[in-house]
N, C-alpha and C. Protein backbone atom coordinates (compact mmCIF):
# COMPACT_ATOMS: atom_id res chain seq x y z
N MET A 1 151.01 69.35 268.33
CA MET A 1 152.34 69.04 267.79
C MET A 1 152.27 67.81 266.90
N LYS A 2 152.98 67.86 265.80
CA LYS A 2 153.07 66.70 264.92
C LYS A 2 153.89 65.62 265.60
N MET A 3 153.70 64.37 265.14
CA MET A 3 154.40 63.25 265.76
C MET A 3 155.92 63.43 265.76
N SER A 4 156.51 63.70 264.60
CA SER A 4 157.97 63.80 264.52
C SER A 4 158.47 65.02 265.28
N ILE A 5 157.70 66.10 265.28
CA ILE A 5 158.08 67.30 266.03
C ILE A 5 158.04 67.00 267.52
N THR A 6 157.02 66.27 267.97
CA THR A 6 156.92 65.90 269.38
C THR A 6 158.11 65.04 269.78
N ARG A 7 158.44 64.08 268.95
CA ARG A 7 159.59 63.20 269.24
C ARG A 7 160.88 64.02 269.37
N GLU A 8 161.08 64.94 268.44
CA GLU A 8 162.28 65.79 268.47
C GLU A 8 162.31 66.66 269.72
N LYS A 9 161.16 67.20 270.09
CA LYS A 9 161.09 68.06 271.29
C LYS A 9 161.38 67.24 272.56
N ILE A 10 160.90 66.01 272.60
CA ILE A 10 161.17 65.13 273.74
C ILE A 10 162.67 64.84 273.83
N LEU A 11 163.28 64.53 272.69
CA LEU A 11 164.73 64.28 272.65
C LEU A 11 165.50 65.51 273.13
N GLU A 12 165.14 66.66 272.60
CA GLU A 12 165.82 67.91 272.95
C GLU A 12 165.70 68.22 274.44
N LEU A 13 164.50 68.10 274.96
CA LEU A 13 164.28 68.39 276.38
C LEU A 13 164.96 67.35 277.26
N GLY A 14 164.88 66.08 276.86
CA GLY A 14 165.56 65.02 277.61
C GLY A 14 167.05 65.27 277.70
N GLU A 15 167.66 65.66 276.58
CA GLU A 15 169.09 65.97 276.60
C GLU A 15 169.39 67.16 277.49
N ASN A 16 168.56 68.19 277.40
CA ASN A 16 168.75 69.37 278.24
C ASN A 16 168.66 68.99 279.72
N LEU A 17 167.71 68.14 280.08
CA LEU A 17 167.57 67.72 281.48
C LEU A 17 168.78 66.89 281.94
N ILE A 18 169.27 66.02 281.07
CA ILE A 18 170.47 65.23 281.41
C ILE A 18 171.65 66.16 281.64
N ARG A 19 171.81 67.15 280.77
CA ARG A 19 172.98 68.03 280.82
C ARG A 19 172.89 69.08 281.92
N THR A 20 171.70 69.30 282.48
CA THR A 20 171.57 70.28 283.55
C THR A 20 171.31 69.63 284.91
N LYS A 21 170.48 68.59 284.94
CA LYS A 21 170.12 67.95 286.21
C LYS A 21 170.82 66.61 286.43
N GLY A 22 171.06 65.89 285.35
CA GLY A 22 171.61 64.54 285.44
C GLY A 22 170.55 63.52 285.05
N TYR A 23 171.00 62.38 284.57
CA TYR A 23 170.10 61.33 284.06
C TYR A 23 169.11 60.85 285.10
N ASN A 24 169.58 60.57 286.30
CA ASN A 24 168.71 60.01 287.33
C ASN A 24 167.87 61.06 288.06
N ALA A 25 168.06 62.32 287.73
CA ALA A 25 167.36 63.39 288.44
C ALA A 25 166.13 63.93 287.70
N PHE A 26 165.77 63.32 286.58
CA PHE A 26 164.56 63.78 285.89
C PHE A 26 163.67 62.58 285.57
N SER A 27 162.40 62.90 285.35
CA SER A 27 161.43 61.85 285.03
C SER A 27 160.64 62.25 283.78
N TYR A 28 159.85 61.33 283.29
CA TYR A 28 158.99 61.63 282.15
C TYR A 28 157.98 62.72 282.51
N GLN A 29 157.65 62.83 283.78
CA GLN A 29 156.73 63.88 284.23
C GLN A 29 157.34 65.25 283.96
N ASP A 30 158.66 65.39 284.17
CA ASP A 30 159.33 66.66 283.88
C ASP A 30 159.16 67.03 282.41
N ILE A 31 159.29 66.04 281.55
CA ILE A 31 159.18 66.26 280.10
C ILE A 31 157.74 66.60 279.72
N SER A 32 156.79 65.78 280.18
CA SER A 32 155.39 66.01 279.80
C SER A 32 154.88 67.35 280.32
N SER A 33 155.26 67.72 281.54
CA SER A 33 154.83 69.03 282.09
C SER A 33 155.39 70.18 281.27
N GLU A 34 156.67 70.11 280.95
CA GLU A 34 157.32 71.18 280.19
C GLU A 34 156.72 71.32 278.79
N LEU A 35 156.40 70.20 278.15
CA LEU A 35 155.88 70.24 276.78
C LEU A 35 154.35 70.36 276.73
N GLY A 36 153.71 70.24 277.88
CA GLY A 36 152.25 70.35 277.91
C GLY A 36 151.57 69.17 277.23
N ILE A 37 152.15 67.99 277.39
CA ILE A 37 151.57 66.77 276.82
C ILE A 37 151.39 65.75 277.94
N LYS A 38 150.67 64.68 277.65
CA LYS A 38 150.45 63.62 278.65
C LYS A 38 151.69 62.73 278.73
N ASN A 39 151.88 62.15 279.91
CA ASN A 39 152.98 61.20 280.10
C ASN A 39 152.92 60.07 279.06
N ALA A 40 151.70 59.67 278.72
CA ALA A 40 151.52 58.59 277.74
C ALA A 40 152.12 58.95 276.38
N ALA A 41 152.09 60.24 276.06
CA ALA A 41 152.67 60.68 274.78
C ALA A 41 154.19 60.49 274.77
N VAL A 42 154.82 60.74 275.91
CA VAL A 42 156.27 60.53 276.02
C VAL A 42 156.56 59.04 275.87
N HIS A 43 155.77 58.22 276.55
CA HIS A 43 155.94 56.76 276.48
C HIS A 43 155.65 56.21 275.08
N TYR A 44 154.80 56.88 274.33
CA TYR A 44 154.51 56.46 272.96
C TYR A 44 155.78 56.48 272.12
N TYR A 45 156.55 57.55 272.24
CA TYR A 45 157.78 57.70 271.45
C TYR A 45 158.96 56.96 272.07
N PHE A 46 159.01 56.95 273.39
CA PHE A 46 160.11 56.31 274.11
C PHE A 46 159.50 55.48 275.24
N PRO A 47 159.23 54.19 274.98
CA PRO A 47 158.55 53.34 275.96
C PRO A 47 159.22 53.32 277.34
N SER A 48 160.54 53.52 277.37
CA SER A 48 161.24 53.55 278.66
C SER A 48 162.30 54.64 278.64
N LYS A 49 162.76 55.00 279.82
CA LYS A 49 163.81 56.00 279.92
C LYS A 49 165.09 55.48 279.24
N GLU A 50 165.25 54.18 279.25
CA GLU A 50 166.38 53.54 278.55
C GLU A 50 166.33 53.89 277.06
N ASN A 51 165.14 53.78 276.45
CA ASN A 51 164.99 54.13 275.03
C ASN A 51 165.36 55.59 274.78
N LEU A 52 164.90 56.45 275.67
CA LEU A 52 165.17 57.88 275.54
C LEU A 52 166.66 58.15 275.69
N GLY A 53 167.28 57.61 276.75
CA GLY A 53 168.71 57.83 276.98
C GLY A 53 169.56 57.35 275.83
N THR A 54 169.27 56.15 275.34
CA THR A 54 170.02 55.59 274.22
C THR A 54 169.83 56.43 272.96
N SER A 55 168.60 56.88 272.71
CA SER A 55 168.33 57.73 271.53
C SER A 55 169.06 59.06 271.62
N ILE A 56 169.15 59.63 272.80
CA ILE A 56 169.85 60.90 272.98
C ILE A 56 171.34 60.73 272.68
N VAL A 57 171.94 59.65 273.16
CA VAL A 57 173.36 59.42 272.89
C VAL A 57 173.58 59.18 271.39
N LYS A 58 172.71 58.37 270.78
CA LYS A 58 172.83 58.11 269.34
C LYS A 58 172.70 59.41 268.54
N THR A 59 171.79 60.28 268.93
CA THR A 59 171.62 61.57 268.27
C THR A 59 172.89 62.40 268.37
N ASN A 60 173.53 62.37 269.54
CA ASN A 60 174.77 63.12 269.72
C ASN A 60 175.91 62.54 268.90
N ILE A 61 175.95 61.23 268.77
CA ILE A 61 176.96 60.59 267.91
C ILE A 61 176.76 61.06 266.47
N GLN A 62 175.52 61.05 266.02
CA GLN A 62 175.21 61.49 264.66
C GLN A 62 175.61 62.95 264.45
N ARG A 63 175.31 63.81 265.43
CA ARG A 63 175.68 65.23 265.33
C ARG A 63 177.19 65.40 265.25
N PHE A 64 177.91 64.61 266.06
CA PHE A 64 179.37 64.68 266.05
C PHE A 64 179.92 64.28 264.68
N GLU A 65 179.41 63.17 264.14
CA GLU A 65 179.86 62.70 262.83
C GLU A 65 179.54 63.74 261.73
N GLU A 66 178.38 64.36 261.82
CA GLU A 66 178.01 65.39 260.85
C GLU A 66 178.92 66.61 260.97
N MET A 67 179.28 66.98 262.20
CA MET A 67 180.18 68.11 262.42
C MET A 67 181.55 67.82 261.80
N VAL A 68 182.07 66.63 262.01
CA VAL A 68 183.37 66.25 261.45
C VAL A 68 183.32 66.26 259.93
N ASP A 69 182.26 65.68 259.35
CA ASP A 69 182.09 65.68 257.89
C ASP A 69 182.02 67.11 257.35
N ASP A 70 181.29 67.97 258.05
CA ASP A 70 181.15 69.36 257.64
C ASP A 70 182.50 70.07 257.66
N MET A 71 183.28 69.84 258.70
CA MET A 71 184.60 70.49 258.79
C MET A 71 185.51 70.00 257.66
N HIS A 72 185.44 68.71 257.34
CA HIS A 72 186.24 68.17 256.23
C HIS A 72 185.81 68.79 254.90
N SER A 73 184.50 68.87 254.69
CA SER A 73 184.00 69.41 253.41
C SER A 73 184.33 70.90 253.29
N ARG A 74 184.49 71.59 254.40
CA ARG A 74 184.83 73.01 254.38
C ARG A 74 186.34 73.24 254.38
N GLY A 75 187.11 72.15 254.40
CA GLY A 75 188.56 72.25 254.31
C GLY A 75 189.26 72.73 255.57
N PHE A 76 188.65 72.52 256.73
CA PHE A 76 189.28 72.92 257.98
C PHE A 76 190.58 72.13 258.18
N ASN A 77 191.64 72.82 258.59
CA ASN A 77 192.85 72.09 258.95
C ASN A 77 192.70 71.56 260.38
N GLU A 78 193.69 70.87 260.87
CA GLU A 78 193.59 70.22 262.19
C GLU A 78 193.41 71.25 263.31
N TRP A 79 194.10 72.36 263.21
CA TRP A 79 193.98 73.41 264.23
C TRP A 79 192.54 73.95 264.27
N GLN A 80 192.00 74.24 263.11
CA GLN A 80 190.64 74.77 263.02
C GLN A 80 189.61 73.76 263.54
N GLN A 81 189.85 72.48 263.27
CA GLN A 81 188.93 71.45 263.75
C GLN A 81 188.96 71.37 265.28
N LEU A 82 190.15 71.41 265.86
CA LEU A 82 190.25 71.36 267.32
C LEU A 82 189.61 72.60 267.94
N GLU A 83 189.84 73.75 267.34
CA GLU A 83 189.21 74.98 267.84
C GLU A 83 187.69 74.88 267.79
N ALA A 84 187.16 74.35 266.70
CA ALA A 84 185.70 74.19 266.56
C ALA A 84 185.16 73.24 267.64
N PHE A 85 185.89 72.17 267.91
CA PHE A 85 185.47 71.22 268.94
C PHE A 85 185.48 71.89 270.31
N ILE A 86 186.51 72.65 270.60
CA ILE A 86 186.60 73.35 271.89
C ILE A 86 185.46 74.36 272.03
N LYS A 87 185.05 74.98 270.94
CA LYS A 87 183.96 75.97 271.00
C LYS A 87 182.64 75.34 271.46
N ILE A 88 182.48 74.05 271.24
CA ILE A 88 181.29 73.36 271.75
C ILE A 88 181.25 73.45 273.28
N TYR A 89 182.41 73.30 273.89
CA TYR A 89 182.50 73.35 275.35
C TYR A 89 182.34 74.78 275.86
N ILE A 90 182.85 75.74 275.12
CA ILE A 90 182.67 77.15 275.49
C ILE A 90 181.18 77.50 275.46
N LYS A 91 180.48 77.03 274.43
CA LYS A 91 179.04 77.27 274.31
C LYS A 91 178.29 76.57 275.47
N SER A 92 178.67 75.34 275.78
CA SER A 92 178.03 74.62 276.89
C SER A 92 178.24 75.37 278.20
N HIS A 93 179.44 75.91 278.40
CA HIS A 93 179.72 76.68 279.62
C HIS A 93 178.83 77.91 279.69
N ARG A 94 178.72 78.59 278.57
CA ARG A 94 177.87 79.80 278.51
C ARG A 94 176.41 79.45 278.84
N GLU A 95 175.97 78.26 278.40
CA GLU A 95 174.60 77.82 278.64
C GLU A 95 174.44 77.12 279.99
N GLN A 96 175.52 77.03 280.74
CA GLN A 96 175.55 76.37 282.05
C GLN A 96 175.09 74.91 281.97
N LYS A 97 175.67 74.21 280.99
CA LYS A 97 175.35 72.80 280.80
C LYS A 97 176.64 71.99 280.83
N LYS A 98 176.53 70.77 281.31
CA LYS A 98 177.64 69.83 281.21
C LYS A 98 177.54 69.16 279.84
N CYS A 99 178.64 68.58 279.40
CA CYS A 99 178.55 67.82 278.16
C CYS A 99 177.86 66.50 278.48
N LEU A 100 177.37 65.84 277.47
CA LEU A 100 176.63 64.60 277.67
C LEU A 100 177.49 63.53 278.35
N VAL A 101 178.75 63.43 277.94
CA VAL A 101 179.67 62.45 278.53
C VAL A 101 179.86 62.76 280.01
N GLY A 102 180.12 64.01 280.33
CA GLY A 102 180.34 64.40 281.72
C GLY A 102 179.11 64.27 282.58
N SER A 103 177.95 64.39 281.98
CA SER A 103 176.71 64.27 282.73
C SER A 103 176.31 62.81 282.94
N LEU A 104 176.52 61.97 281.93
CA LEU A 104 176.14 60.56 282.06
C LEU A 104 177.21 59.72 282.78
N GLY A 105 178.45 60.19 282.74
CA GLY A 105 179.54 59.44 283.37
C GLY A 105 179.29 59.05 284.83
N PRO A 106 178.89 59.99 285.68
CA PRO A 106 178.65 59.64 287.09
C PRO A 106 177.50 58.64 287.28
N ASP A 107 176.58 58.59 286.32
CA ASP A 107 175.44 57.68 286.40
C ASP A 107 175.68 56.38 285.63
N TYR A 108 176.90 56.19 285.14
CA TYR A 108 177.21 55.09 284.23
C TYR A 108 176.71 53.73 284.73
N GLU A 109 176.96 53.41 285.99
CA GLU A 109 176.58 52.10 286.53
C GLU A 109 175.07 51.90 286.61
N THR A 110 174.31 52.98 286.58
CA THR A 110 172.84 52.86 286.66
C THR A 110 172.19 52.92 285.28
N LEU A 111 172.99 53.14 284.23
CA LEU A 111 172.44 53.21 282.88
C LEU A 111 172.14 51.81 282.35
N SER A 112 171.23 51.74 281.41
CA SER A 112 170.93 50.46 280.76
C SER A 112 172.13 50.03 279.93
N ASN A 113 172.19 48.76 279.60
CA ASN A 113 173.29 48.25 278.78
C ASN A 113 173.35 48.95 277.42
N SER A 114 172.20 49.19 276.81
CA SER A 114 172.20 49.83 275.49
C SER A 114 172.74 51.26 275.58
N THR A 115 172.36 51.98 276.63
CA THR A 115 172.86 53.35 276.79
C THR A 115 174.36 53.34 277.10
N LYS A 116 174.79 52.40 277.93
CA LYS A 116 176.23 52.27 278.22
C LYS A 116 177.03 52.01 276.95
N LEU A 117 176.53 51.09 276.13
CA LEU A 117 177.22 50.75 274.88
C LEU A 117 177.34 51.96 273.96
N GLU A 118 176.27 52.71 273.82
CA GLU A 118 176.30 53.89 272.95
C GLU A 118 177.21 54.98 273.52
N LEU A 119 177.18 55.15 274.85
CA LEU A 119 178.05 56.15 275.48
C LEU A 119 179.52 55.77 275.29
N LYS A 120 179.81 54.50 275.47
CA LYS A 120 181.18 54.01 275.26
C LYS A 120 181.59 54.22 273.80
N ARG A 121 180.69 53.94 272.88
CA ARG A 121 180.97 54.14 271.45
C ARG A 121 181.24 55.61 271.16
N MET A 122 180.47 56.50 271.79
CA MET A 122 180.64 57.93 271.59
C MET A 122 182.01 58.39 272.09
N VAL A 123 182.38 57.96 273.29
CA VAL A 123 183.67 58.35 273.87
C VAL A 123 184.81 57.83 272.99
N GLU A 124 184.72 56.57 272.57
CA GLU A 124 185.76 55.98 271.73
C GLU A 124 185.87 56.71 270.39
N LEU A 125 184.74 57.09 269.81
CA LEU A 125 184.71 57.82 268.55
C LEU A 125 185.40 59.18 268.69
N ILE A 126 185.07 59.91 269.74
CA ILE A 126 185.67 61.23 269.96
C ILE A 126 187.17 61.11 270.22
N LEU A 127 187.56 60.16 271.07
CA LEU A 127 188.99 59.99 271.36
C LEU A 127 189.77 59.58 270.12
N LYS A 128 189.20 58.71 269.31
CA LYS A 128 189.86 58.28 268.06
C LYS A 128 190.02 59.49 267.14
N TRP A 129 188.99 60.31 267.04
CA TRP A 129 189.04 61.49 266.18
C TRP A 129 190.10 62.47 266.67
N ILE A 130 190.13 62.77 267.97
CA ILE A 130 191.13 63.70 268.50
C ILE A 130 192.53 63.13 268.29
N THR A 131 192.71 61.83 268.53
CA THR A 131 194.01 61.19 268.34
C THR A 131 194.48 61.35 266.90
N GLU A 132 193.61 61.04 265.94
CA GLU A 132 193.96 61.17 264.52
C GLU A 132 194.24 62.62 264.15
N LEU A 133 193.47 63.53 264.72
CA LEU A 133 193.67 64.95 264.48
C LEU A 133 195.07 65.37 264.96
N LEU A 134 195.44 64.92 266.15
CA LEU A 134 196.75 65.24 266.70
C LEU A 134 197.88 64.63 265.87
N GLU A 135 197.70 63.38 265.46
CA GLU A 135 198.72 62.71 264.64
C GLU A 135 198.95 63.45 263.32
N LYS A 136 197.85 63.77 262.64
CA LYS A 136 197.95 64.47 261.35
C LYS A 136 198.52 65.87 261.54
N GLY A 137 198.05 66.56 262.57
CA GLY A 137 198.53 67.91 262.85
C GLY A 137 200.00 67.93 263.22
N LYS A 138 200.44 66.92 263.95
CA LYS A 138 201.86 66.84 264.33
C LYS A 138 202.71 66.55 263.09
N ALA A 139 202.25 65.67 262.22
CA ALA A 139 202.98 65.35 260.99
C ALA A 139 203.12 66.58 260.09
N LYS A 140 202.11 67.46 260.12
CA LYS A 140 202.14 68.68 259.31
C LYS A 140 202.80 69.85 260.05
N LYS A 141 203.27 69.57 261.27
CA LYS A 141 203.90 70.59 262.14
C LYS A 141 202.93 71.72 262.54
N ILE A 142 201.64 71.38 262.55
CA ILE A 142 200.62 72.31 263.05
C ILE A 142 200.59 72.24 264.58
N PHE A 143 200.79 71.02 265.10
CA PHE A 143 200.84 70.78 266.54
C PHE A 143 202.23 70.29 266.93
N VAL A 144 202.64 70.65 268.14
CA VAL A 144 203.88 70.13 268.72
C VAL A 144 203.54 69.64 270.12
N PHE A 145 203.89 68.39 270.39
CA PHE A 145 203.72 67.81 271.73
C PHE A 145 204.61 66.58 271.83
N ASN A 146 204.96 66.21 273.05
CA ASN A 146 205.87 65.08 273.27
C ASN A 146 205.15 63.79 273.64
N ASP A 147 203.94 63.90 274.15
CA ASP A 147 203.19 62.71 274.58
C ASP A 147 202.81 61.86 273.38
N GLU A 148 202.40 60.64 273.66
CA GLU A 148 201.80 59.81 272.62
C GLU A 148 200.46 60.46 272.24
N PRO A 149 200.10 60.44 270.96
CA PRO A 149 198.83 61.08 270.55
C PRO A 149 197.61 60.58 271.34
N GLU A 150 197.56 59.27 271.65
CA GLU A 150 196.43 58.73 272.42
C GLU A 150 196.36 59.35 273.81
N SER A 151 197.52 59.50 274.46
CA SER A 151 197.56 60.09 275.80
C SER A 151 197.19 61.57 275.76
N LYS A 152 197.68 62.26 274.75
CA LYS A 152 197.37 63.69 274.61
C LYS A 152 195.88 63.88 274.33
N ALA A 153 195.32 63.02 273.49
CA ALA A 153 193.89 63.10 273.18
C ALA A 153 193.06 62.88 274.44
N LEU A 154 193.44 61.88 275.23
CA LEU A 154 192.73 61.61 276.49
C LEU A 154 192.84 62.79 277.44
N ALA A 155 194.02 63.40 277.52
CA ALA A 155 194.21 64.55 278.40
C ALA A 155 193.35 65.73 277.96
N ILE A 156 193.30 65.97 276.66
CA ILE A 156 192.49 67.09 276.14
C ILE A 156 191.01 66.84 276.39
N PHE A 157 190.53 65.66 276.03
CA PHE A 157 189.11 65.36 276.18
C PHE A 157 188.71 65.35 277.66
N SER A 158 189.53 64.75 278.50
CA SER A 158 189.25 64.73 279.94
C SER A 158 189.18 66.14 280.50
N SER A 159 190.09 66.99 280.07
CA SER A 159 190.10 68.38 280.54
C SER A 159 188.82 69.11 280.14
N LEU A 160 188.39 68.90 278.91
CA LEU A 160 187.18 69.57 278.44
C LEU A 160 185.95 69.10 279.22
N VAL A 161 185.83 67.79 279.40
CA VAL A 161 184.69 67.23 280.12
C VAL A 161 184.68 67.72 281.57
N ALA A 162 185.82 67.61 282.23
CA ALA A 162 185.92 67.99 283.65
C ALA A 162 185.74 69.49 283.84
N SER A 163 186.19 70.27 282.86
CA SER A 163 186.10 71.73 283.00
C SER A 163 184.66 72.20 283.16
N LEU A 164 183.73 71.56 282.46
CA LEU A 164 182.32 71.96 282.58
C LEU A 164 181.77 71.58 283.95
N GLN A 165 182.24 70.45 284.49
CA GLN A 165 181.78 70.06 285.82
C GLN A 165 182.34 71.01 286.88
N LEU A 166 183.61 71.34 286.76
CA LEU A 166 184.22 72.26 287.72
C LEU A 166 183.61 73.66 287.63
N ALA A 167 183.24 74.07 286.43
CA ALA A 167 182.64 75.39 286.25
C ALA A 167 181.31 75.52 286.98
N MET A 168 180.66 74.38 287.23
CA MET A 168 179.41 74.40 288.01
C MET A 168 179.70 74.71 289.48
N ILE A 169 180.91 74.40 289.92
CA ILE A 169 181.30 74.56 291.32
C ILE A 169 182.03 75.87 291.55
N ILE A 170 182.98 76.16 290.65
CA ILE A 170 183.79 77.37 290.78
C ILE A 170 183.08 78.51 290.06
N ASP A 171 182.75 79.55 290.81
CA ASP A 171 181.98 80.65 290.24
C ASP A 171 182.73 81.42 289.17
N LYS A 172 183.92 81.84 289.47
CA LYS A 172 184.62 82.73 288.55
C LYS A 172 185.79 82.01 287.91
N ILE A 173 185.46 81.21 286.91
CA ILE A 173 186.49 80.51 286.16
C ILE A 173 186.65 81.23 284.82
N ASP A 174 187.88 81.54 284.46
CA ASP A 174 188.14 82.19 283.17
C ASP A 174 188.14 81.08 282.12
N TYR A 175 186.97 80.78 281.63
CA TYR A 175 186.79 79.61 280.79
C TYR A 175 187.52 79.72 279.45
N LYS A 176 187.49 80.88 278.85
CA LYS A 176 188.18 81.05 277.57
C LYS A 176 189.69 80.89 277.74
N SER A 177 190.25 81.41 278.82
CA SER A 177 191.69 81.26 279.08
C SER A 177 192.04 79.80 279.28
N PHE A 178 191.18 79.07 279.96
CA PHE A 178 191.42 77.64 280.17
C PHE A 178 191.55 76.94 278.83
N HIS A 179 190.64 77.20 277.93
CA HIS A 179 190.68 76.54 276.63
C HIS A 179 191.83 77.04 275.77
N GLN A 180 192.18 78.30 275.93
CA GLN A 180 193.32 78.84 275.20
C GLN A 180 194.60 78.11 275.63
N THR A 181 194.66 77.72 276.90
CA THR A 181 195.82 76.98 277.41
C THR A 181 195.98 75.65 276.69
N ILE A 182 194.87 74.97 276.41
CA ILE A 182 194.93 73.70 275.68
C ILE A 182 195.56 73.93 274.32
N LEU A 183 195.13 74.97 273.63
CA LEU A 183 195.66 75.27 272.30
C LEU A 183 197.12 75.76 272.36
N GLU A 184 197.41 76.61 273.32
CA GLU A 184 198.78 77.12 273.47
C GLU A 184 199.77 75.99 273.68
N ASP A 185 199.33 74.99 274.41
CA ASP A 185 200.18 73.84 274.73
C ASP A 185 200.56 73.04 273.48
N LEU A 186 199.83 73.24 272.39
CA LEU A 186 200.08 72.51 271.15
C LEU A 186 200.79 73.32 270.07
N LYS A 187 200.99 74.62 270.36
CA LYS A 187 201.60 75.50 269.36
C LYS A 187 203.06 75.15 269.09
N PRO A 188 203.47 75.25 267.82
CA PRO A 188 204.88 75.01 267.51
C PRO A 188 205.79 76.12 268.03
């Protein structure tokens, strides 16, 4: 494997392990065994688990920002943007994965300061985006709701994050209906 390809594969597998097992439930040995490389190779790219965790969160922030930019460049309205965001959670449910926020949240106190800072930045970025989306959508009469946009954004994001965790426990959850309820609640 080339250096940059190895680094990307480590990031990808590390994120997958966080989203399926949890941050504190995997080790570099899990990564090296899966990729067929030595533990030292993982440490070469990410000297500590802190480096890996922080890099994974930063990568997700970058992906989120790219997704938002892409939706803007494609002319998505607020409804379409919210639907696209919800589809991320539908895909995660199908893949039986928690979202990164929902997976790292329970381990928050054991995370390094750098990982905590990036996770907090990610959550604030997403909440700010949803809030602005709701404000703009309400002004255009695309969305109707009585709550303050910040409260509504927190309720929507919290529901999405928690829904993936509950889906791990509840076998037969009608996941698409759950998300449709979020959208129905905003219809004029």
